[in-house]
N, C-alpha and C. Protein backbone atom coordinates (compact mmCIF):
# COMPACT_ATOMS: atom_id res chain seq x y z
N MET A 1 29.63 25.67 -37.64
CA MET A 1 29.25 25.41 -36.25
C MET A 1 27.73 25.37 -36.15
N THR A 2 27.28 24.63 -35.19
CA THR A 2 25.85 24.53 -34.93
C THR A 2 25.47 25.53 -33.84
N ALA A 3 24.20 25.54 -33.50
CA ALA A 3 23.72 26.42 -32.44
C ALA A 3 24.37 26.03 -31.11
N PRO A 4 24.55 26.96 -30.21
CA PRO A 4 25.15 26.64 -28.91
C PRO A 4 24.28 25.65 -28.13
N TRP A 5 24.95 24.80 -27.35
CA TRP A 5 24.25 23.90 -26.43
C TRP A 5 24.27 24.57 -25.06
N THR A 6 23.14 24.50 -24.35
CA THR A 6 23.03 25.03 -23.00
C THR A 6 22.27 24.02 -22.16
N ASN A 7 22.73 23.81 -20.93
CA ASN A 7 22.01 22.88 -20.06
C ASN A 7 20.72 23.53 -19.56
N TRP A 8 19.89 22.74 -18.90
CA TRP A 8 18.56 23.19 -18.47
C TRP A 8 18.62 24.39 -17.53
N ALA A 9 19.64 24.47 -16.70
CA ALA A 9 19.74 25.56 -15.72
C ALA A 9 20.46 26.79 -16.27
N ARG A 10 20.95 26.67 -17.51
CA ARG A 10 21.71 27.74 -18.15
C ARG A 10 22.99 28.09 -17.39
N THR A 11 23.58 27.08 -16.76
CA THR A 11 24.84 27.28 -16.04
C THR A 11 26.03 26.77 -16.84
N ALA A 12 25.77 26.11 -17.96
CA ALA A 12 26.85 25.59 -18.81
C ALA A 12 26.44 25.75 -20.27
N THR A 13 27.36 26.25 -21.08
CA THR A 13 27.10 26.48 -22.50
C THR A 13 28.34 26.06 -23.28
N ALA A 14 28.13 25.55 -24.48
CA ALA A 14 29.23 25.19 -25.37
C ALA A 14 28.77 25.35 -26.81
N ARG A 15 29.72 25.32 -27.72
CA ARG A 15 29.39 25.46 -29.14
C ARG A 15 29.95 24.26 -29.90
N PRO A 16 29.08 23.24 -30.09
CA PRO A 16 29.54 22.07 -30.84
C PRO A 16 29.77 22.40 -32.32
N GLY A 17 30.71 21.70 -32.92
CA GLY A 17 30.96 21.85 -34.35
C GLY A 17 29.94 21.07 -35.16
N VAL A 18 29.52 19.93 -34.61
CA VAL A 18 28.57 19.06 -35.28
C VAL A 18 27.53 18.62 -34.27
N ALA A 19 26.27 18.64 -34.68
CA ALA A 19 25.20 18.07 -33.85
C ALA A 19 24.67 16.86 -34.60
N ALA A 20 24.71 15.71 -33.95
CA ALA A 20 24.28 14.46 -34.59
C ALA A 20 23.16 13.82 -33.79
N ALA A 21 22.17 13.31 -34.51
CA ALA A 21 21.06 12.61 -33.89
C ALA A 21 20.88 11.29 -34.64
N PRO A 22 21.75 10.30 -34.34
CA PRO A 22 21.68 9.04 -35.08
C PRO A 22 20.31 8.38 -34.94
N ALA A 23 19.88 7.70 -36.00
CA ALA A 23 18.56 7.07 -36.02
C ALA A 23 18.56 5.66 -35.47
N SER A 24 19.74 5.09 -35.23
CA SER A 24 19.82 3.70 -34.77
C SER A 24 21.13 3.47 -34.02
N VAL A 25 21.20 2.34 -33.34
CA VAL A 25 22.43 1.96 -32.65
C VAL A 25 23.55 1.80 -33.67
N GLU A 26 23.23 1.23 -34.83
CA GLU A 26 24.23 1.04 -35.87
C GLU A 26 24.78 2.38 -36.38
N ALA A 27 23.89 3.36 -36.54
CA ALA A 27 24.33 4.69 -36.98
C ALA A 27 25.20 5.36 -35.91
N LEU A 28 24.83 5.18 -34.65
CA LEU A 28 25.65 5.71 -33.55
C LEU A 28 27.02 5.05 -33.57
N ALA A 29 27.06 3.73 -33.74
CA ALA A 29 28.34 3.01 -33.78
C ALA A 29 29.21 3.53 -34.92
N GLY A 30 28.61 3.76 -36.08
CA GLY A 30 29.36 4.29 -37.22
C GLY A 30 29.90 5.69 -36.95
N LEU A 31 29.09 6.53 -36.31
CA LEU A 31 29.52 7.88 -35.96
C LEU A 31 30.71 7.85 -35.02
N LEU A 32 30.63 7.02 -33.98
CA LEU A 32 31.72 6.94 -33.02
C LEU A 32 32.97 6.31 -33.63
N ALA A 33 32.80 5.30 -34.46
CA ALA A 33 33.94 4.64 -35.09
C ALA A 33 34.65 5.58 -36.06
N GLY A 34 33.95 6.60 -36.55
CA GLY A 34 34.53 7.55 -37.49
C GLY A 34 35.64 8.40 -36.90
N GLY A 35 35.73 8.46 -35.57
CA GLY A 35 36.82 9.16 -34.91
C GLY A 35 36.96 10.62 -35.27
N ARG A 36 35.88 11.36 -35.20
CA ARG A 36 35.90 12.78 -35.57
C ARG A 36 36.43 13.69 -34.47
N GLY A 37 36.91 13.16 -33.41
CA GLY A 37 37.39 13.98 -32.30
C GLY A 37 36.48 13.86 -31.11
N PRO A 38 36.55 14.81 -30.19
CA PRO A 38 35.77 14.72 -28.96
C PRO A 38 34.26 14.65 -29.22
N VAL A 39 33.60 13.80 -28.44
CA VAL A 39 32.15 13.61 -28.54
C VAL A 39 31.55 13.77 -27.16
N ARG A 40 30.42 14.43 -27.08
CA ARG A 40 29.65 14.51 -25.85
C ARG A 40 28.23 14.08 -26.18
N VAL A 41 27.68 13.22 -25.32
CA VAL A 41 26.31 12.75 -25.51
C VAL A 41 25.44 13.44 -24.48
N MET A 42 24.33 14.00 -24.94
CA MET A 42 23.40 14.67 -24.05
C MET A 42 22.03 14.06 -24.22
N GLY A 43 21.40 13.77 -23.11
CA GLY A 43 20.02 13.30 -23.15
C GLY A 43 19.10 14.49 -23.07
N SER A 44 18.65 14.79 -21.88
CA SER A 44 17.75 15.93 -21.69
C SER A 44 18.51 17.19 -21.27
N SER A 45 19.83 17.12 -21.22
CA SER A 45 20.68 18.26 -20.81
C SER A 45 20.33 18.74 -19.41
N HIS A 46 19.96 17.79 -18.54
CA HIS A 46 19.52 18.17 -17.21
C HIS A 46 20.66 18.35 -16.22
N SER A 47 21.85 17.92 -16.54
CA SER A 47 22.97 18.06 -15.61
C SER A 47 23.23 19.52 -15.31
N TRP A 48 23.41 19.83 -14.05
CA TRP A 48 23.73 21.20 -13.65
C TRP A 48 25.21 21.49 -13.84
N SER A 49 26.01 20.44 -14.02
CA SER A 49 27.46 20.61 -14.15
C SER A 49 27.85 20.82 -15.61
N PRO A 50 29.10 21.20 -15.87
CA PRO A 50 29.56 21.39 -17.25
C PRO A 50 29.97 20.07 -17.93
N LEU A 51 29.34 18.98 -17.58
CA LEU A 51 29.69 17.68 -18.13
C LEU A 51 29.61 17.66 -19.66
N GLY A 52 28.68 18.38 -20.25
CA GLY A 52 28.54 18.39 -21.69
C GLY A 52 29.40 19.42 -22.40
N VAL A 53 30.19 20.14 -21.65
CA VAL A 53 30.99 21.21 -22.23
C VAL A 53 32.35 20.68 -22.67
N HIS A 54 32.77 21.08 -23.82
CA HIS A 54 34.10 20.76 -24.34
C HIS A 54 34.53 21.96 -25.17
N ALA A 55 35.78 21.98 -25.53
CA ALA A 55 36.27 23.07 -26.39
C ALA A 55 35.40 23.14 -27.64
N ASP A 56 35.23 24.31 -28.16
CA ASP A 56 34.41 24.50 -29.35
C ASP A 56 34.82 23.55 -30.46
N GLY A 57 33.83 23.08 -31.20
CA GLY A 57 34.10 22.23 -32.35
C GLY A 57 33.89 20.75 -32.12
N TYR A 58 33.48 20.34 -30.93
CA TYR A 58 33.25 18.92 -30.65
C TYR A 58 31.96 18.43 -31.30
N THR A 59 31.71 17.13 -31.23
CA THR A 59 30.47 16.57 -31.77
C THR A 59 29.50 16.34 -30.62
N LEU A 60 28.32 16.91 -30.73
CA LEU A 60 27.25 16.72 -29.75
C LEU A 60 26.29 15.68 -30.30
N VAL A 61 26.08 14.60 -29.55
CA VAL A 61 25.18 13.52 -29.96
C VAL A 61 23.97 13.52 -29.04
N THR A 62 22.79 13.45 -29.63
CA THR A 62 21.57 13.28 -28.85
C THR A 62 20.90 11.97 -29.24
N LEU A 63 20.22 11.38 -28.29
CA LEU A 63 19.56 10.08 -28.51
C LEU A 63 18.04 10.27 -28.57
N GLY A 64 17.60 11.12 -29.47
CA GLY A 64 16.17 11.43 -29.57
C GLY A 64 15.38 10.50 -30.47
N ALA A 65 16.05 9.69 -31.28
CA ALA A 65 15.35 8.81 -32.22
C ALA A 65 14.58 7.71 -31.48
N PRO A 66 13.49 7.23 -32.05
CA PRO A 66 12.71 6.16 -31.42
C PRO A 66 13.52 4.91 -31.05
N ALA A 67 14.59 4.64 -31.79
CA ALA A 67 15.41 3.46 -31.50
C ALA A 67 16.05 3.53 -30.11
N PHE A 68 16.11 4.71 -29.51
CA PHE A 68 16.75 4.89 -28.21
C PHE A 68 15.74 5.09 -27.08
N HIS A 69 14.46 4.87 -27.37
CA HIS A 69 13.41 5.08 -26.37
C HIS A 69 12.57 3.83 -26.21
N GLY A 70 12.09 3.60 -25.01
CA GLY A 70 11.15 2.51 -24.77
C GLY A 70 11.73 1.35 -23.99
N ARG A 71 10.93 0.31 -23.91
CA ARG A 71 11.25 -0.88 -23.13
C ARG A 71 11.96 -1.89 -24.01
N GLU A 72 12.78 -2.72 -23.38
CA GLU A 72 13.50 -3.81 -24.06
C GLU A 72 12.90 -5.13 -23.58
N GLY A 73 11.77 -5.51 -24.09
CA GLY A 73 11.14 -6.78 -23.72
C GLY A 73 10.46 -6.73 -22.37
N PRO A 74 9.82 -7.84 -21.99
CA PRO A 74 9.11 -7.91 -20.71
C PRO A 74 10.09 -8.10 -19.54
N PRO A 75 9.62 -7.90 -18.32
CA PRO A 75 10.48 -8.15 -17.15
C PRO A 75 10.98 -9.60 -17.16
N ASP A 76 12.20 -9.81 -16.66
CA ASP A 76 12.71 -11.18 -16.57
C ASP A 76 12.18 -11.84 -15.29
N ALA A 77 12.60 -13.06 -15.02
CA ALA A 77 12.11 -13.82 -13.87
C ALA A 77 12.40 -13.15 -12.53
N GLN A 78 13.44 -12.33 -12.49
CA GLN A 78 13.79 -11.61 -11.25
C GLN A 78 13.12 -10.24 -11.17
N GLY A 79 12.27 -9.91 -12.15
CA GLY A 79 11.58 -8.63 -12.15
C GLY A 79 12.41 -7.48 -12.71
N ARG A 80 13.55 -7.78 -13.31
CA ARG A 80 14.38 -6.73 -13.91
C ARG A 80 13.80 -6.34 -15.27
N VAL A 81 13.86 -5.05 -15.57
CA VAL A 81 13.27 -4.54 -16.79
C VAL A 81 14.34 -3.80 -17.58
N GLY A 82 14.39 -4.07 -18.89
CA GLY A 82 15.32 -3.37 -19.77
C GLY A 82 14.65 -2.17 -20.39
N VAL A 83 15.34 -1.03 -20.39
CA VAL A 83 14.86 0.17 -21.06
C VAL A 83 16.00 0.76 -21.87
N ARG A 84 15.64 1.44 -22.93
CA ARG A 84 16.64 2.07 -23.79
C ARG A 84 17.14 3.36 -23.15
N GLY A 85 18.39 3.68 -23.43
CA GLY A 85 19.07 4.78 -22.76
C GLY A 85 18.45 6.14 -22.90
N GLY A 86 17.81 6.45 -24.02
CA GLY A 86 17.21 7.76 -24.22
C GLY A 86 15.84 7.93 -23.59
N THR A 87 15.33 6.88 -22.98
CA THR A 87 14.02 6.93 -22.32
C THR A 87 14.08 7.87 -21.12
N THR A 88 13.13 8.77 -21.02
CA THR A 88 13.11 9.65 -19.85
C THR A 88 12.59 8.88 -18.64
N LEU A 89 12.90 9.39 -17.46
CA LEU A 89 12.39 8.74 -16.25
C LEU A 89 10.87 8.75 -16.22
N SER A 90 10.25 9.82 -16.67
CA SER A 90 8.78 9.85 -16.66
C SER A 90 8.21 8.79 -17.58
N ALA A 91 8.79 8.58 -18.76
CA ALA A 91 8.31 7.52 -19.65
C ALA A 91 8.59 6.14 -19.05
N ARG A 92 9.74 6.00 -18.38
CA ARG A 92 10.08 4.73 -17.77
C ARG A 92 9.07 4.34 -16.70
N HIS A 93 8.58 5.31 -15.92
CA HIS A 93 7.57 5.01 -14.89
C HIS A 93 6.35 4.35 -15.52
N GLY A 94 5.89 4.89 -16.65
CA GLY A 94 4.74 4.31 -17.33
C GLY A 94 5.01 2.92 -17.88
N LEU A 95 6.21 2.72 -18.42
CA LEU A 95 6.57 1.40 -18.95
C LEU A 95 6.56 0.35 -17.84
N LEU A 96 7.09 0.72 -16.69
CA LEU A 96 7.13 -0.22 -15.56
C LEU A 96 5.72 -0.47 -15.01
N ALA A 97 4.92 0.57 -14.92
CA ALA A 97 3.56 0.42 -14.37
C ALA A 97 2.73 -0.55 -15.19
N ARG A 98 2.93 -0.60 -16.49
CA ARG A 98 2.19 -1.54 -17.34
C ARG A 98 2.47 -3.00 -16.96
N HIS A 99 3.60 -3.22 -16.31
CA HIS A 99 3.97 -4.58 -15.87
C HIS A 99 3.86 -4.71 -14.35
N ARG A 100 3.17 -3.76 -13.74
CA ARG A 100 2.98 -3.76 -12.28
C ARG A 100 4.33 -3.78 -11.56
N ARG A 101 5.27 -2.99 -12.09
CA ARG A 101 6.61 -2.87 -11.52
C ARG A 101 6.86 -1.40 -11.20
N ALA A 102 7.82 -1.16 -10.33
CA ALA A 102 8.25 0.20 -10.00
C ALA A 102 9.66 0.13 -9.44
N LEU A 103 10.33 1.26 -9.42
CA LEU A 103 11.64 1.34 -8.80
C LEU A 103 11.47 1.72 -7.34
N ALA A 104 12.40 1.27 -6.52
CA ALA A 104 12.33 1.56 -5.08
C ALA A 104 12.62 3.02 -4.79
N ASN A 105 13.33 3.70 -5.67
CA ASN A 105 13.76 5.06 -5.40
C ASN A 105 13.64 5.88 -6.68
N VAL A 106 12.92 6.98 -6.62
CA VAL A 106 12.84 7.89 -7.76
C VAL A 106 12.98 9.32 -7.24
N GLY A 107 13.51 10.17 -8.09
CA GLY A 107 13.67 11.56 -7.70
C GLY A 107 12.42 12.37 -8.00
N SER A 108 12.45 13.61 -7.62
CA SER A 108 11.29 14.48 -7.83
C SER A 108 11.23 15.05 -9.24
N ILE A 109 12.32 14.98 -9.97
CA ILE A 109 12.36 15.47 -11.35
C ILE A 109 12.53 14.26 -12.25
N SER A 110 11.69 14.16 -13.28
CA SER A 110 11.75 12.96 -14.11
C SER A 110 11.99 13.28 -15.59
N ALA A 111 12.59 14.41 -15.88
CA ALA A 111 12.90 14.78 -17.26
C ALA A 111 14.20 14.16 -17.76
N GLN A 112 15.02 13.64 -16.84
CA GLN A 112 16.31 13.08 -17.23
C GLN A 112 16.12 11.75 -17.98
N THR A 113 17.16 11.38 -18.75
CA THR A 113 17.13 10.09 -19.43
C THR A 113 17.73 9.02 -18.52
N VAL A 114 17.35 7.77 -18.78
CA VAL A 114 17.87 6.65 -18.00
C VAL A 114 19.39 6.59 -18.12
N ALA A 115 19.93 6.73 -19.32
CA ALA A 115 21.38 6.67 -19.50
C ALA A 115 22.07 7.80 -18.73
N GLY A 116 21.49 8.98 -18.73
CA GLY A 116 22.08 10.10 -18.01
C GLY A 116 22.08 9.89 -16.51
N VAL A 117 20.97 9.39 -16.00
CA VAL A 117 20.86 9.15 -14.55
C VAL A 117 21.85 8.08 -14.11
N VAL A 118 21.95 7.01 -14.89
CA VAL A 118 22.88 5.93 -14.55
C VAL A 118 24.33 6.42 -14.67
N SER A 119 24.65 7.12 -15.73
CA SER A 119 26.02 7.57 -15.96
C SER A 119 26.52 8.56 -14.93
N THR A 120 25.60 9.31 -14.33
CA THR A 120 26.00 10.35 -13.38
C THR A 120 25.72 10.00 -11.92
N GLY A 121 25.17 8.82 -11.66
CA GLY A 121 24.92 8.41 -10.28
C GLY A 121 23.84 9.23 -9.59
N THR A 122 22.83 9.59 -10.32
CA THR A 122 21.77 10.46 -9.82
C THR A 122 20.74 9.72 -8.97
N HIS A 123 20.13 10.45 -8.09
CA HIS A 123 18.95 10.04 -7.31
C HIS A 123 19.18 8.96 -6.28
N GLY A 124 20.16 9.13 -5.46
CA GLY A 124 20.30 8.28 -4.29
C GLY A 124 19.60 8.93 -3.11
N ALA A 125 19.27 8.13 -2.13
CA ALA A 125 18.61 8.66 -0.93
C ALA A 125 19.16 7.95 0.30
N GLY A 126 20.48 7.79 0.35
CA GLY A 126 21.10 7.15 1.50
C GLY A 126 21.38 5.68 1.27
N SER A 127 21.83 5.00 2.32
CA SER A 127 22.22 3.60 2.19
C SER A 127 21.02 2.67 1.97
N THR A 128 19.85 3.07 2.39
CA THR A 128 18.66 2.24 2.20
C THR A 128 18.18 2.30 0.76
N PHE A 129 18.27 3.47 0.14
CA PHE A 129 17.85 3.66 -1.24
C PHE A 129 19.02 4.25 -2.02
N PRO A 130 19.89 3.40 -2.55
CA PRO A 130 21.07 3.91 -3.27
C PRO A 130 20.68 4.57 -4.59
N CYS A 131 21.66 5.16 -5.26
CA CYS A 131 21.39 5.78 -6.56
C CYS A 131 20.90 4.74 -7.56
N LEU A 132 20.26 5.21 -8.62
CA LEU A 132 19.69 4.29 -9.60
C LEU A 132 20.74 3.42 -10.27
N SER A 133 21.98 3.88 -10.33
CA SER A 133 23.05 3.07 -10.91
C SER A 133 23.22 1.74 -10.19
N ALA A 134 22.94 1.73 -8.90
CA ALA A 134 23.08 0.50 -8.12
C ALA A 134 22.04 -0.55 -8.50
N LEU A 135 20.99 -0.15 -9.21
CA LEU A 135 19.95 -1.08 -9.64
C LEU A 135 20.25 -1.74 -10.99
N VAL A 136 21.35 -1.35 -11.61
CA VAL A 136 21.69 -1.83 -12.95
C VAL A 136 22.32 -3.22 -12.88
N SER A 137 21.76 -4.15 -13.67
CA SER A 137 22.32 -5.50 -13.74
C SER A 137 22.90 -5.82 -15.11
N ALA A 138 22.66 -4.96 -16.10
CA ALA A 138 23.21 -5.18 -17.44
C ALA A 138 23.11 -3.88 -18.22
N VAL A 139 24.01 -3.70 -19.18
CA VAL A 139 23.97 -2.56 -20.09
C VAL A 139 24.33 -3.02 -21.49
N ARG A 140 23.82 -2.29 -22.47
CA ARG A 140 24.31 -2.38 -23.85
C ARG A 140 24.96 -1.03 -24.10
N VAL A 141 26.18 -1.05 -24.57
CA VAL A 141 26.94 0.18 -24.73
C VAL A 141 27.60 0.20 -26.09
N VAL A 142 27.76 1.40 -26.64
CA VAL A 142 28.55 1.58 -27.85
C VAL A 142 29.82 2.30 -27.42
N THR A 143 30.96 1.66 -27.65
CA THR A 143 32.25 2.22 -27.23
C THR A 143 32.71 3.30 -28.21
N ALA A 144 33.75 4.02 -27.84
CA ALA A 144 34.30 5.06 -28.70
C ALA A 144 34.79 4.50 -30.03
N ALA A 145 35.14 3.22 -30.06
CA ALA A 145 35.59 2.57 -31.30
C ALA A 145 34.41 2.09 -32.15
N GLY A 146 33.17 2.30 -31.66
CA GLY A 146 31.99 1.87 -32.41
C GLY A 146 31.58 0.44 -32.15
N GLU A 147 32.18 -0.19 -31.18
CA GLU A 147 31.84 -1.58 -30.84
C GLU A 147 30.61 -1.60 -29.94
N VAL A 148 29.64 -2.46 -30.25
CA VAL A 148 28.46 -2.63 -29.41
C VAL A 148 28.72 -3.80 -28.47
N ARG A 149 28.65 -3.53 -27.17
CA ARG A 149 28.95 -4.55 -26.16
C ARG A 149 27.78 -4.72 -25.21
N GLU A 150 27.55 -5.95 -24.80
CA GLU A 150 26.56 -6.29 -23.78
C GLU A 150 27.35 -6.67 -22.53
N LEU A 151 27.10 -6.00 -21.44
CA LEU A 151 27.80 -6.29 -20.19
C LEU A 151 26.78 -6.63 -19.12
N THR A 152 27.02 -7.72 -18.39
CA THR A 152 26.12 -8.12 -17.32
C THR A 152 26.93 -8.34 -16.04
N ALA A 153 26.20 -8.40 -14.94
CA ALA A 153 26.85 -8.67 -13.66
C ALA A 153 27.49 -10.06 -13.67
N GLU A 154 26.94 -10.97 -14.47
CA GLU A 154 27.48 -12.32 -14.56
C GLU A 154 28.68 -12.41 -15.51
N SER A 155 28.60 -11.73 -16.65
CA SER A 155 29.64 -11.88 -17.67
C SER A 155 30.88 -11.02 -17.41
N ASP A 156 30.70 -9.82 -16.87
CA ASP A 156 31.84 -8.93 -16.66
C ASP A 156 31.49 -7.90 -15.58
N PRO A 157 31.46 -8.34 -14.32
CA PRO A 157 31.02 -7.42 -13.25
C PRO A 157 31.90 -6.18 -13.11
N GLU A 158 33.18 -6.28 -13.38
CA GLU A 158 34.06 -5.12 -13.26
C GLU A 158 33.74 -4.06 -14.31
N ALA A 159 33.58 -4.49 -15.56
CA ALA A 159 33.24 -3.54 -16.63
C ALA A 159 31.85 -2.95 -16.39
N LEU A 160 30.90 -3.76 -15.97
CA LEU A 160 29.57 -3.25 -15.67
C LEU A 160 29.64 -2.18 -14.59
N GLY A 161 30.41 -2.43 -13.54
CA GLY A 161 30.57 -1.46 -12.47
C GLY A 161 31.13 -0.14 -12.96
N ALA A 162 32.06 -0.21 -13.91
CA ALA A 162 32.63 1.03 -14.47
C ALA A 162 31.56 1.84 -15.21
N PHE A 163 30.68 1.16 -15.91
CA PHE A 163 29.63 1.86 -16.66
C PHE A 163 28.51 2.39 -15.77
N GLN A 164 28.43 1.90 -14.55
CA GLN A 164 27.37 2.35 -13.64
C GLN A 164 27.60 3.78 -13.16
N LEU A 165 28.73 4.34 -13.40
CA LEU A 165 29.01 5.74 -13.05
C LEU A 165 30.14 6.26 -13.94
N SER A 166 29.97 6.12 -15.23
CA SER A 166 31.05 6.40 -16.18
C SER A 166 31.13 7.86 -16.62
N LEU A 167 30.13 8.64 -16.34
CA LEU A 167 30.05 10.04 -16.78
C LEU A 167 30.16 10.15 -18.30
N GLY A 168 29.84 9.08 -19.00
CA GLY A 168 29.90 9.09 -20.46
C GLY A 168 31.29 8.94 -21.02
N LEU A 169 32.28 8.68 -20.18
CA LEU A 169 33.67 8.63 -20.64
C LEU A 169 34.05 7.31 -21.28
N LEU A 170 33.26 6.27 -21.08
CA LEU A 170 33.61 4.94 -21.58
C LEU A 170 32.82 4.52 -22.81
N GLY A 171 31.80 5.27 -23.13
CA GLY A 171 30.94 4.93 -24.25
C GLY A 171 29.53 5.42 -23.99
N VAL A 172 28.63 5.07 -24.89
CA VAL A 172 27.25 5.53 -24.82
C VAL A 172 26.35 4.38 -24.37
N LEU A 173 25.64 4.58 -23.27
CA LEU A 173 24.68 3.58 -22.80
C LEU A 173 23.44 3.65 -23.70
N VAL A 174 23.17 2.57 -24.43
CA VAL A 174 21.99 2.57 -25.30
C VAL A 174 20.86 1.74 -24.72
N ALA A 175 21.14 0.88 -23.73
CA ALA A 175 20.09 0.14 -23.03
C ALA A 175 20.61 -0.26 -21.66
N VAL A 176 19.68 -0.33 -20.72
CA VAL A 176 20.02 -0.62 -19.32
C VAL A 176 18.97 -1.58 -18.76
N ARG A 177 19.40 -2.59 -18.01
CA ARG A 177 18.46 -3.47 -17.29
C ARG A 177 18.51 -3.09 -15.81
N LEU A 178 17.34 -2.76 -15.27
CA LEU A 178 17.23 -2.29 -13.89
C LEU A 178 16.41 -3.24 -13.02
N ALA A 179 16.83 -3.40 -11.78
CA ALA A 179 16.03 -4.15 -10.80
C ALA A 179 14.82 -3.31 -10.44
N THR A 180 13.68 -3.97 -10.24
CA THR A 180 12.46 -3.26 -9.85
C THR A 180 11.95 -3.81 -8.53
């Protein structure tokens, strides 16, 4: 067993059997395709809920490698910007500022990862400023079977909608395109 996992508020603790930090999307896909049993992905462990908790012996995956951080190319013609799932909100602010872009709604805490915020529906401020998941127009995801899929509002709006608040149950968000 590895060291216990605890969330930032110390309100949830678990003991994973394996802690994995894949170095690439391909390595993550191989890990998931291996079918080792229950997997939980944690970014900054900022969730106050027991979302990362599972029975002892599960696999804990973190997206700390450089392959999971940073921008995915320049903004598109509509001003949408792609960022990798492990990018923290604070790093994302800087990436957007370099292109004179910003999000309409941001929370007061920016330690969370983009994938975590999107997966959990974090940081809404009413009907005028919805949660950040509502700004998502495309995702790249690695499914539990290890398949890498690109989903867009144009190609598969229903599947994209499911990933906009999936709680990590459908796969791992490795990149997200957000409206700015």
